[in-house]
């Protein structure tokens, strides 16, 4: 007796993957309303899926899930509707850069912009110094000597390295916030 050929499932590709959301497209089933209704009904019954939305016109399935590991396990056991390209899913699941890395990138871009606008005559550090100095002097003239003026002027002086010994300033030390 000859073995029956394995049923070929339609291929899907991961379009979007974020915390709790996964969108896949199944292009070969575009406009197949009965297929996508079946997908929605079946996926809605999975324990790991909170909601499944389908759009036959765009061949899209949006899955909102609560537990990624459980979603993968249920997919392996229950998904007889479409194949998922796991290489694309793994690439989509790469973690976003840390917040500090993102902030450093934004600051570096802002510094490059200030340098470009001033033809290299100023950088972000000098701009922050100037703003702190102006803010401190403004607070000083308003009579807010204790807290706002002192804090702003101290930070401005810190940017210049004024609060460090001359040897540390000439050696490029200048403190942690004077590095740049």
N, C-alpha and C. Protein backbone atom coordinates (compact mmCIF):
# COMPACT_ATOMS: atom_id res chain seq x y z
N UNK A 1 0.85 -1.18 0.00
CA UNK A 1 0.00 0.00 0.00
C UNK A 1 0.89 1.24 0.00
N UNK A 2 0.67 2.14 -0.92
CA UNK A 2 1.47 3.35 -1.05
C UNK A 2 1.01 4.40 -0.04
N UNK A 3 1.96 5.11 0.50
CA UNK A 3 1.64 6.17 1.47
C UNK A 3 1.02 7.34 0.74
N UNK A 4 0.07 7.96 1.42
CA UNK A 4 -0.57 9.14 0.86
C UNK A 4 0.39 10.32 0.95
N UNK A 5 0.41 11.20 -0.05
CA UNK A 5 1.30 12.37 0.03
C UNK A 5 0.84 13.31 1.14
N UNK A 6 1.81 13.90 1.79
CA UNK A 6 1.50 14.84 2.87
C UNK A 6 0.79 16.06 2.28
N UNK A 7 -0.21 16.54 3.05
CA UNK A 7 -0.95 17.71 2.61
C UNK A 7 -0.06 18.94 2.72
N UNK A 8 0.03 19.71 1.68
CA UNK A 8 0.86 20.90 1.64
C UNK A 8 0.08 22.07 2.24
N UNK A 9 0.57 22.62 3.34
CA UNK A 9 -0.09 23.75 3.98
C UNK A 9 0.41 25.05 3.34
N UNK A 10 -0.46 26.06 3.29
CA UNK A 10 -0.02 27.35 2.75
C UNK A 10 1.07 27.95 3.64
N UNK A 11 2.01 28.65 3.01
CA UNK A 11 3.11 29.29 3.73
C UNK A 11 2.67 30.66 4.25
N UNK A 12 3.08 30.96 5.45
CA UNK A 12 2.82 32.30 6.00
C UNK A 12 4.16 32.96 6.29
N UNK A 13 4.13 34.28 6.36
CA UNK A 13 5.33 35.01 6.75
C UNK A 13 4.96 35.98 7.86
N UNK A 14 5.87 36.15 8.77
CA UNK A 14 5.67 37.05 9.91
C UNK A 14 5.91 38.48 9.43
N UNK A 15 4.90 39.32 9.62
CA UNK A 15 5.01 40.73 9.21
C UNK A 15 5.31 41.63 10.38
N UNK A 16 4.84 41.24 11.54
CA UNK A 16 4.99 42.10 12.72
C UNK A 16 5.02 41.21 13.95
N UNK A 17 5.93 41.50 14.84
CA UNK A 17 6.00 40.76 16.10
C UNK A 17 6.40 41.73 17.18
N UNK A 18 5.53 41.91 18.15
CA UNK A 18 5.82 42.78 19.28
C UNK A 18 5.23 42.10 20.51
N UNK A 19 5.48 42.68 21.66
CA UNK A 19 5.01 42.09 22.91
C UNK A 19 3.50 41.83 22.84
N UNK A 20 3.13 40.58 22.83
CA UNK A 20 1.72 40.20 22.86
C UNK A 20 0.99 40.26 21.54
N UNK A 21 1.68 40.59 20.44
CA UNK A 21 1.02 40.69 19.13
C UNK A 21 1.88 40.04 18.05
N UNK A 22 1.22 39.30 17.18
CA UNK A 22 1.89 38.66 16.06
C UNK A 22 0.98 38.78 14.85
N UNK A 23 1.54 39.30 13.76
CA UNK A 23 0.77 39.39 12.52
C UNK A 23 1.48 38.55 11.47
N UNK A 24 0.70 37.64 10.87
CA UNK A 24 1.23 36.83 9.78
C UNK A 24 0.38 37.07 8.54
N UNK A 25 1.01 36.91 7.40
CA UNK A 25 0.30 37.02 6.12
C UNK A 25 0.40 35.68 5.42
N UNK A 26 -0.69 35.31 4.77
CA UNK A 26 -0.76 34.06 4.02
C UNK A 26 -1.18 34.44 2.60
N UNK A 27 -0.25 34.91 1.79
CA UNK A 27 -0.58 35.48 0.48
C UNK A 27 -1.35 34.54 -0.45
N UNK A 28 -1.04 33.25 -0.42
CA UNK A 28 -1.72 32.35 -1.37
C UNK A 28 -3.19 32.14 -1.03
N UNK A 29 -3.62 32.59 0.14
CA UNK A 29 -5.03 32.45 0.53
C UNK A 29 -5.77 33.79 0.50
N UNK A 30 -5.15 34.79 -0.12
CA UNK A 30 -5.76 36.12 -0.21
C UNK A 30 -7.18 35.98 -0.79
N UNK A 31 -8.11 36.68 -0.16
CA UNK A 31 -9.53 36.75 -0.53
C UNK A 31 -10.30 35.45 -0.30
N UNK A 32 -9.69 34.47 0.36
CA UNK A 32 -10.37 33.21 0.66
C UNK A 32 -11.05 33.36 2.02
N UNK A 33 -12.28 33.88 2.01
CA UNK A 33 -12.99 34.21 3.24
C UNK A 33 -13.25 32.99 4.10
N UNK A 34 -13.59 31.85 3.50
CA UNK A 34 -13.88 30.66 4.30
C UNK A 34 -12.61 30.17 5.01
N UNK A 35 -11.46 30.22 4.34
CA UNK A 35 -10.20 29.81 4.97
C UNK A 35 -9.91 30.70 6.19
N UNK A 36 -10.00 32.02 6.00
CA UNK A 36 -9.66 32.92 7.09
C UNK A 36 -10.67 32.86 8.24
N UNK A 37 -11.94 32.58 7.95
CA UNK A 37 -12.92 32.39 9.02
C UNK A 37 -12.58 31.14 9.82
N UNK A 38 -12.15 30.09 9.13
CA UNK A 38 -11.73 28.86 9.81
C UNK A 38 -10.51 29.14 10.70
N UNK A 39 -9.56 29.89 10.17
CA UNK A 39 -8.36 30.25 10.95
C UNK A 39 -8.78 31.02 12.20
N UNK A 40 -9.65 32.02 12.04
CA UNK A 40 -10.09 32.82 13.20
C UNK A 40 -10.76 31.95 14.25
N UNK A 41 -11.67 31.08 13.81
CA UNK A 41 -12.39 30.23 14.76
C UNK A 41 -11.45 29.29 15.51
N UNK A 42 -10.55 28.65 14.79
CA UNK A 42 -9.64 27.69 15.42
C UNK A 42 -8.67 28.39 16.37
N UNK A 43 -8.09 29.48 15.91
CA UNK A 43 -7.12 30.18 16.76
C UNK A 43 -7.78 30.76 18.00
N UNK A 44 -9.01 31.18 17.89
CA UNK A 44 -9.73 31.74 19.05
C UNK A 44 -9.91 30.70 20.15
N UNK A 45 -9.84 29.43 19.81
CA UNK A 45 -9.98 28.36 20.79
C UNK A 45 -8.69 28.00 21.50
N UNK A 46 -7.58 28.52 21.08
CA UNK A 46 -6.31 28.21 21.73
C UNK A 46 -6.21 28.94 23.07
N UNK A 47 -5.63 28.28 24.06
CA UNK A 47 -5.51 28.87 25.40
C UNK A 47 -4.59 30.09 25.42
N UNK A 48 -3.55 30.09 24.62
CA UNK A 48 -2.57 31.18 24.66
C UNK A 48 -3.02 32.41 23.88
N UNK A 49 -4.08 32.29 23.10
CA UNK A 49 -4.52 33.41 22.26
C UNK A 49 -5.70 34.12 22.91
N UNK A 50 -5.52 35.41 23.10
CA UNK A 50 -6.59 36.23 23.67
C UNK A 50 -7.59 36.65 22.60
N UNK A 51 -7.06 36.93 21.38
CA UNK A 51 -7.94 37.35 20.29
C UNK A 51 -7.24 37.10 18.97
N UNK A 52 -8.02 36.67 17.99
CA UNK A 52 -7.51 36.49 16.64
C UNK A 52 -8.40 37.27 15.68
N UNK A 53 -7.77 38.11 14.88
CA UNK A 53 -8.51 38.88 13.88
C UNK A 53 -7.94 38.52 12.51
N UNK A 54 -8.83 38.40 11.54
CA UNK A 54 -8.39 38.05 10.19
C UNK A 54 -8.89 39.10 9.20
N UNK A 55 -8.16 39.22 8.10
CA UNK A 55 -8.56 40.10 7.02
C UNK A 55 -8.26 39.37 5.71
N UNK A 56 -9.26 38.75 5.10
CA UNK A 56 -9.02 38.00 3.86
C UNK A 56 -8.52 38.88 2.71
N UNK A 57 -8.91 40.15 2.69
CA UNK A 57 -8.47 41.03 1.59
C UNK A 57 -6.97 41.27 1.61
N UNK A 58 -6.39 41.34 2.81
CA UNK A 58 -4.95 41.56 2.92
C UNK A 58 -4.21 40.28 3.25
N UNK A 59 -4.94 39.17 3.37
CA UNK A 59 -4.37 37.86 3.69
C UNK A 59 -3.66 37.89 5.04
N UNK A 60 -4.22 38.62 5.99
CA UNK A 60 -3.56 38.90 7.26
C UNK A 60 -4.28 38.24 8.43
N UNK A 61 -3.48 37.76 9.38
CA UNK A 61 -4.00 37.22 10.64
C UNK A 61 -3.27 37.93 11.77
N UNK A 62 -4.04 38.62 12.62
CA UNK A 62 -3.47 39.30 13.78
C UNK A 62 -3.79 38.46 15.01
N UNK A 63 -2.75 38.07 15.73
CA UNK A 63 -2.91 37.23 16.91
C UNK A 63 -2.45 38.02 18.12
N UNK A 64 -3.34 38.17 19.09
CA UNK A 64 -2.97 38.78 20.37
C UNK A 64 -2.87 37.64 21.37
N UNK A 65 -1.68 37.48 21.96
CA UNK A 65 -1.43 36.33 22.81
C UNK A 65 -0.94 36.76 24.18
N UNK A 66 -1.03 35.83 25.14
CA UNK A 66 -0.63 36.13 26.50
C UNK A 66 0.71 35.50 26.87
N UNK A 67 1.07 34.42 26.20
CA UNK A 67 2.28 33.69 26.56
C UNK A 67 2.92 33.16 25.29
N UNK A 68 4.09 33.66 24.95
CA UNK A 68 4.75 33.28 23.71
C UNK A 68 5.13 31.80 23.68
N UNK A 69 5.65 31.29 24.79
CA UNK A 69 6.04 29.88 24.84
C UNK A 69 4.82 28.98 24.63
N UNK A 70 3.70 29.33 25.27
CA UNK A 70 2.47 28.54 25.11
C UNK A 70 1.96 28.64 23.68
N UNK A 71 2.10 29.81 23.07
CA UNK A 71 1.68 29.99 21.68
C UNK A 71 2.48 29.07 20.76
N UNK A 72 3.80 29.02 20.96
CA UNK A 72 4.64 28.13 20.15
C UNK A 72 4.25 26.67 20.36
N UNK A 73 4.01 26.30 21.62
CA UNK A 73 3.64 24.91 21.92
C UNK A 73 2.31 24.55 21.27
N UNK A 74 1.32 25.44 21.39
CA UNK A 74 0.02 25.16 20.78
C UNK A 74 0.14 25.13 19.25
N UNK A 75 0.97 26.00 18.70
CA UNK A 75 1.17 26.00 17.26
C UNK A 75 1.71 24.65 16.80
N UNK A 76 2.69 24.12 17.53
CA UNK A 76 3.29 22.84 17.16
C UNK A 76 2.27 21.71 17.24
N UNK A 77 1.37 21.78 18.22
CA UNK A 77 0.40 20.70 18.42
C UNK A 77 -0.88 20.84 17.60
N UNK A 78 -1.33 22.07 17.38
CA UNK A 78 -2.67 22.27 16.84
C UNK A 78 -2.75 22.91 15.46
N UNK A 79 -1.68 23.53 14.99
CA UNK A 79 -1.77 24.28 13.75
C UNK A 79 -1.69 23.36 12.54
N UNK A 80 -2.84 23.09 11.95
CA UNK A 80 -2.88 22.33 10.70
C UNK A 80 -3.45 23.21 9.58
N UNK A 81 -3.31 24.55 9.77
CA UNK A 81 -3.89 25.50 8.84
C UNK A 81 -2.86 26.14 7.91
N UNK A 82 -1.67 26.45 8.43
CA UNK A 82 -0.65 27.10 7.63
C UNK A 82 0.72 26.88 8.26
N UNK A 83 1.77 26.96 7.45
CA UNK A 83 3.14 26.84 7.91
C UNK A 83 3.66 28.23 8.27
N UNK A 84 4.45 28.30 9.32
CA UNK A 84 5.04 29.57 9.72
C UNK A 84 6.54 29.53 9.44
N UNK A 85 7.05 30.58 8.85
CA UNK A 85 8.48 30.71 8.58
C UNK A 85 9.16 31.13 9.89
N UNK A 86 9.71 30.14 10.61
CA UNK A 86 10.28 30.41 11.93
C UNK A 86 11.56 31.25 11.86
N UNK A 87 12.29 31.19 10.76
CA UNK A 87 13.48 32.02 10.63
C UNK A 87 13.10 33.50 10.64
N UNK A 88 12.03 33.83 9.93
CA UNK A 88 11.56 35.22 9.91
C UNK A 88 11.02 35.62 11.28
N UNK A 89 10.35 34.68 11.96
CA UNK A 89 9.82 34.97 13.29
C UNK A 89 10.96 35.22 14.26
N UNK A 90 12.01 34.43 14.19
CA UNK A 90 13.16 34.62 15.08
C UNK A 90 13.82 35.97 14.83
N UNK A 91 13.94 36.35 13.56
CA UNK A 91 14.52 37.65 13.23
C UNK A 91 13.63 38.78 13.73
N UNK A 92 12.31 38.60 13.64
CA UNK A 92 11.38 39.64 14.10
C UNK A 92 11.38 39.74 15.62
N UNK A 93 11.76 38.67 16.32
CA UNK A 93 11.71 38.65 17.77
C UNK A 93 12.97 39.21 18.41
N UNK A 94 13.93 39.68 17.63
CA UNK A 94 15.16 40.24 18.18
C UNK A 94 14.79 41.39 19.11
N UNK A 95 15.38 41.43 20.29
CA UNK A 95 15.02 42.47 21.25
C UNK A 95 15.42 43.86 20.76
N UNK A 96 14.63 44.83 21.14
CA UNK A 96 14.94 46.23 20.82
C UNK A 96 16.14 46.66 21.66
N UNK A 97 16.89 47.64 21.20
CA UNK A 97 18.02 48.12 22.01
C UNK A 97 17.53 48.65 23.34
N UNK A 98 18.41 48.58 24.33
CA UNK A 98 18.09 49.09 25.67
C UNK A 98 17.78 50.58 25.59
N UNK A 99 17.01 51.05 26.55
CA UNK A 99 16.61 52.45 26.57
C UNK A 99 17.83 53.37 26.62
N UNK A 100 18.87 52.96 27.35
CA UNK A 100 20.06 53.80 27.44
C UNK A 100 20.77 53.86 26.08
N UNK A 101 20.77 52.75 25.34
CA UNK A 101 21.38 52.76 24.00
C UNK A 101 20.59 53.67 23.07
N UNK A 102 19.27 53.62 23.16
CA UNK A 102 18.43 54.49 22.34
C UNK A 102 18.67 55.95 22.69
N UNK A 103 18.75 56.24 23.98
CA UNK A 103 18.99 57.62 24.42
C UNK A 103 20.35 58.11 23.95
N UNK A 104 21.37 57.26 24.05
CA UNK A 104 22.70 57.65 23.59
C UNK A 104 22.69 57.93 22.09
N UNK A 105 21.95 57.14 21.34
CA UNK A 105 21.85 57.35 19.90
C UNK A 105 21.18 58.69 19.58
N UNK A 106 20.09 58.99 20.29
CA UNK A 106 19.37 60.25 20.07
C UNK A 106 20.26 61.44 20.43
N UNK A 107 20.99 61.31 21.53
CA UNK A 107 21.88 62.41 21.94
C UNK A 107 23.00 62.60 20.92
N UNK A 108 23.55 61.51 20.41
CA UNK A 108 24.61 61.61 19.39
C UNK A 108 24.07 62.28 18.12
N UNK A 109 22.83 61.95 17.74
CA UNK A 109 22.22 62.60 16.58
C UNK A 109 22.01 64.09 16.83
N UNK A 110 21.54 64.44 18.04
CA UNK A 110 21.32 65.85 18.38
C UNK A 110 22.65 66.60 18.36
N UNK A 111 23.72 65.98 18.88
CA UNK A 111 25.03 66.61 18.88
C UNK A 111 25.50 66.85 17.44
N UNK A 112 25.33 65.85 16.59
CA UNK A 112 25.73 66.01 15.18
C UNK A 112 24.92 67.12 14.50
N UNK A 113 23.65 67.24 14.84
CA UNK A 113 22.80 68.29 14.26
C UNK A 113 23.28 69.67 14.69
N UNK A 114 23.57 69.83 15.99
CA UNK A 114 24.05 71.13 16.49
C UNK A 114 25.37 71.48 15.82
N UNK A 115 26.26 70.51 15.69
CA UNK A 115 27.55 70.76 15.04
C UNK A 115 27.35 71.17 13.58
N UNK A 116 26.40 70.52 12.90
CA UNK A 116 26.13 70.84 11.49
C UNK A 116 25.55 72.25 11.38
N UNK A 117 24.60 72.60 12.24
CA UNK A 117 23.95 73.91 12.19
C UNK A 117 24.94 75.04 12.45
N UNK A 118 25.93 74.75 13.32
CA UNK A 118 26.88 75.80 13.70
C UNK A 118 28.22 75.66 12.97
N UNK A 119 28.26 74.84 11.95
CA UNK A 119 29.49 74.58 11.18
C UNK A 119 30.65 74.19 12.09
N UNK A 120 30.36 73.41 13.11
CA UNK A 120 31.38 72.93 14.03
C UNK A 120 31.73 73.90 15.13
N UNK A 121 31.07 75.05 15.19
CA UNK A 121 31.37 76.06 16.20
C UNK A 121 30.83 75.72 17.58
N UNK A 122 29.86 74.85 17.66
CA UNK A 122 29.27 74.47 18.94
C UNK A 122 28.88 73.01 18.87
N UNK A 123 28.72 72.43 20.04
CA UNK A 123 28.22 71.06 20.12
C UNK A 123 27.10 71.02 21.15
N UNK A 124 26.53 69.86 21.37
CA UNK A 124 25.40 69.73 22.29
C UNK A 124 25.82 70.11 23.71
N UNK A 125 27.02 69.73 24.09
CA UNK A 125 27.50 70.05 25.43
C UNK A 125 27.56 71.55 25.65
N UNK A 126 28.08 72.29 24.67
CA UNK A 126 28.16 73.75 24.83
C UNK A 126 26.78 74.37 24.82
N UNK A 127 25.85 73.80 24.05
CA UNK A 127 24.48 74.30 24.04
C UNK A 127 23.81 74.08 25.39
N UNK A 128 24.01 72.89 25.98
CA UNK A 128 23.44 72.61 27.31
C UNK A 128 24.07 73.54 28.34
N UNK A 129 25.38 73.75 28.25
CA UNK A 129 26.05 74.69 29.16
C UNK A 129 25.40 76.07 29.08
N UNK A 130 25.21 76.55 27.86
CA UNK A 130 24.64 77.87 27.66
C UNK A 130 23.22 77.95 28.23
N UNK A 131 22.42 76.94 28.00
CA UNK A 131 21.06 76.92 28.54
C UNK A 131 21.06 76.88 30.07
N UNK A 132 21.95 76.07 30.65
CA UNK A 132 22.05 76.03 32.11
C UNK A 132 22.51 77.36 32.68
N UNK A 133 23.47 77.98 32.03
CA UNK A 133 23.98 79.27 32.48
C UNK A 133 22.88 80.33 32.41
N UNK A 134 22.17 80.40 31.30
CA UNK A 134 21.08 81.38 31.15
C UNK A 134 19.98 81.11 32.17
N UNK A 135 19.62 79.83 32.33
CA UNK A 135 18.59 79.48 33.31
C UNK A 135 19.01 79.82 34.72
N UNK A 136 20.26 79.54 35.05
CA UNK A 136 20.77 79.87 36.39
C UNK A 136 20.79 81.36 36.64
N UNK A 137 21.26 82.13 35.67
CA UNK A 137 21.29 83.59 35.83
C UNK A 137 19.88 84.16 35.94
N UNK A 138 18.96 83.62 35.16
CA UNK A 138 17.57 84.08 35.22
C UNK A 138 16.99 83.83 36.63
N UNK A 139 17.23 82.62 37.15
CA UNK A 139 16.74 82.32 38.49
C UNK A 139 17.43 83.20 39.54
N UNK A 140 18.70 83.47 39.35
CA UNK A 140 19.45 84.32 40.27
C UNK A 140 18.86 85.73 40.29
N UNK A 141 18.56 86.29 39.11
CA UNK A 141 17.98 87.63 39.04
C UNK A 141 16.55 87.66 39.57
N UNK A 142 15.86 86.54 39.56
CA UNK A 142 14.50 86.47 40.13
C UNK A 142 14.54 86.33 41.64
N UNK A 143 15.73 86.11 42.19
CA UNK A 143 15.86 85.97 43.64
C UNK A 143 15.79 84.53 44.10
N UNK A 144 15.74 83.59 43.19
CA UNK A 144 15.70 82.17 43.55
C UNK A 144 17.13 81.64 43.64
N UNK A 145 17.85 82.15 44.63
CA UNK A 145 19.27 81.85 44.73
C UNK A 145 19.52 80.45 45.26
N UNK A 146 18.78 80.03 46.25
CA UNK A 146 19.09 78.79 46.94
C UNK A 146 19.04 77.57 46.03
N UNK A 147 17.90 77.21 45.59
CA UNK A 147 17.81 75.94 44.87
C UNK A 147 17.95 76.05 43.36
N UNK A 148 17.03 76.69 42.65
CA UNK A 148 17.12 76.64 41.19
C UNK A 148 18.40 77.26 40.62
N UNK A 149 18.76 78.44 41.07
CA UNK A 149 19.93 79.11 40.51
C UNK A 149 21.19 78.33 40.83
N UNK A 150 21.33 77.92 42.08
CA UNK A 150 22.54 77.20 42.48
C UNK A 150 22.68 75.89 41.72
N UNK A 151 21.58 75.16 41.57
CA UNK A 151 21.63 73.88 40.86
C UNK A 151 22.00 74.06 39.40
N UNK A 152 21.35 75.02 38.74
CA UNK A 152 21.63 75.24 37.33
C UNK A 152 23.06 75.73 37.10
N UNK A 153 23.51 76.68 37.94
CA UNK A 153 24.86 77.19 37.78
C UNK A 153 25.90 76.12 38.12
N UNK A 154 25.62 75.30 39.12
CA UNK A 154 26.54 74.21 39.47
C UNK A 154 26.69 73.25 38.29
N UNK A 155 25.58 72.87 37.68
CA UNK A 155 25.63 71.96 36.53
C UNK A 155 26.37 72.59 35.35
N UNK A 156 26.17 73.89 35.14
CA UNK A 156 26.89 74.57 34.06
C UNK A 156 28.39 74.56 34.34
N UNK A 157 28.78 74.84 35.57
CA UNK A 157 30.19 74.79 35.93
C UNK A 157 30.75 73.38 35.85
N UNK A 158 29.93 72.40 36.17
CA UNK A 158 30.34 71.01 36.09
C UNK A 158 30.65 70.62 34.65
N UNK A 159 29.85 71.13 33.71
CA UNK A 159 30.11 70.85 32.30
C UNK A 159 31.45 71.41 31.86
N UNK A 160 31.85 72.53 32.44
CA UNK A 160 33.15 73.13 32.11
C UNK A 160 34.29 72.51 32.91
N UNK A 161 33.95 71.72 33.93
CA UNK A 161 34.98 71.12 34.76
C UNK A 161 35.55 72.08 35.79
N UNK A 162 34.78 73.12 36.14
CA UNK A 162 35.28 74.14 37.07
C UNK A 162 35.48 73.61 38.49
N UNK A 163 34.81 72.55 38.88
CA UNK A 163 34.83 72.08 40.26
C UNK A 163 35.89 71.01 40.48
N UNK A 164 36.81 70.85 39.53
CA UNK A 164 37.85 69.84 39.63
C UNK A 164 39.21 70.52 39.70
N UNK A 165 40.19 69.88 40.32
CA UNK A 165 41.53 70.48 40.40
C UNK A 165 42.10 70.76 39.01
N UNK A 166 42.92 71.79 38.87
CA UNK A 166 43.49 72.13 37.55
C UNK A 166 44.19 70.94 36.88
N UNK A 167 44.87 70.11 37.66
CA UNK A 167 45.58 68.96 37.07
C UNK A 167 44.58 68.01 36.41
N UNK A 168 43.43 67.79 37.05
CA UNK A 168 42.42 66.90 36.49
C UNK A 168 41.80 67.50 35.23
N UNK A 169 41.63 68.85 35.24
CA UNK A 169 41.06 69.51 34.05
C UNK A 169 42.02 69.43 32.88
N UNK A 170 43.32 69.68 33.13
CA UNK A 170 44.29 69.68 32.02
C UNK A 170 44.53 68.27 31.50
N UNK A 171 44.35 67.27 32.38
CA UNK A 171 44.54 65.88 31.95
C UNK A 171 43.30 65.34 31.25
N UNK A 172 42.28 66.17 31.14
CA UNK A 172 41.05 65.73 30.47
C UNK A 172 40.12 65.03 31.41
N UNK A 173 40.40 65.07 32.73
CA UNK A 173 39.53 64.39 33.70
C UNK A 173 38.19 65.05 33.77
N UNK A 174 38.09 66.19 34.36
CA UNK A 174 36.87 66.99 34.37
C UNK A 174 35.66 66.34 34.95
N UNK A 175 35.74 65.15 35.51
CA UNK A 175 34.58 64.52 36.13
C UNK A 175 33.76 63.73 35.14
N UNK A 176 32.82 62.99 35.70
CA UNK A 176 32.00 62.08 34.89
C UNK A 176 31.12 62.83 33.91
N UNK A 177 30.54 63.94 34.34
CA UNK A 177 29.61 64.62 33.44
C UNK A 177 30.34 65.55 32.46
N UNK A 178 31.65 65.72 32.63
CA UNK A 178 32.39 66.57 31.70
C UNK A 178 32.91 65.78 30.51
N UNK A 179 32.75 64.45 30.55
CA UNK A 179 33.18 63.65 29.41
C UNK A 179 32.19 63.83 28.30
N UNK A 180 32.67 63.73 27.08
CA UNK A 180 31.67 63.98 26.14
C UNK A 180 31.64 63.43 24.84
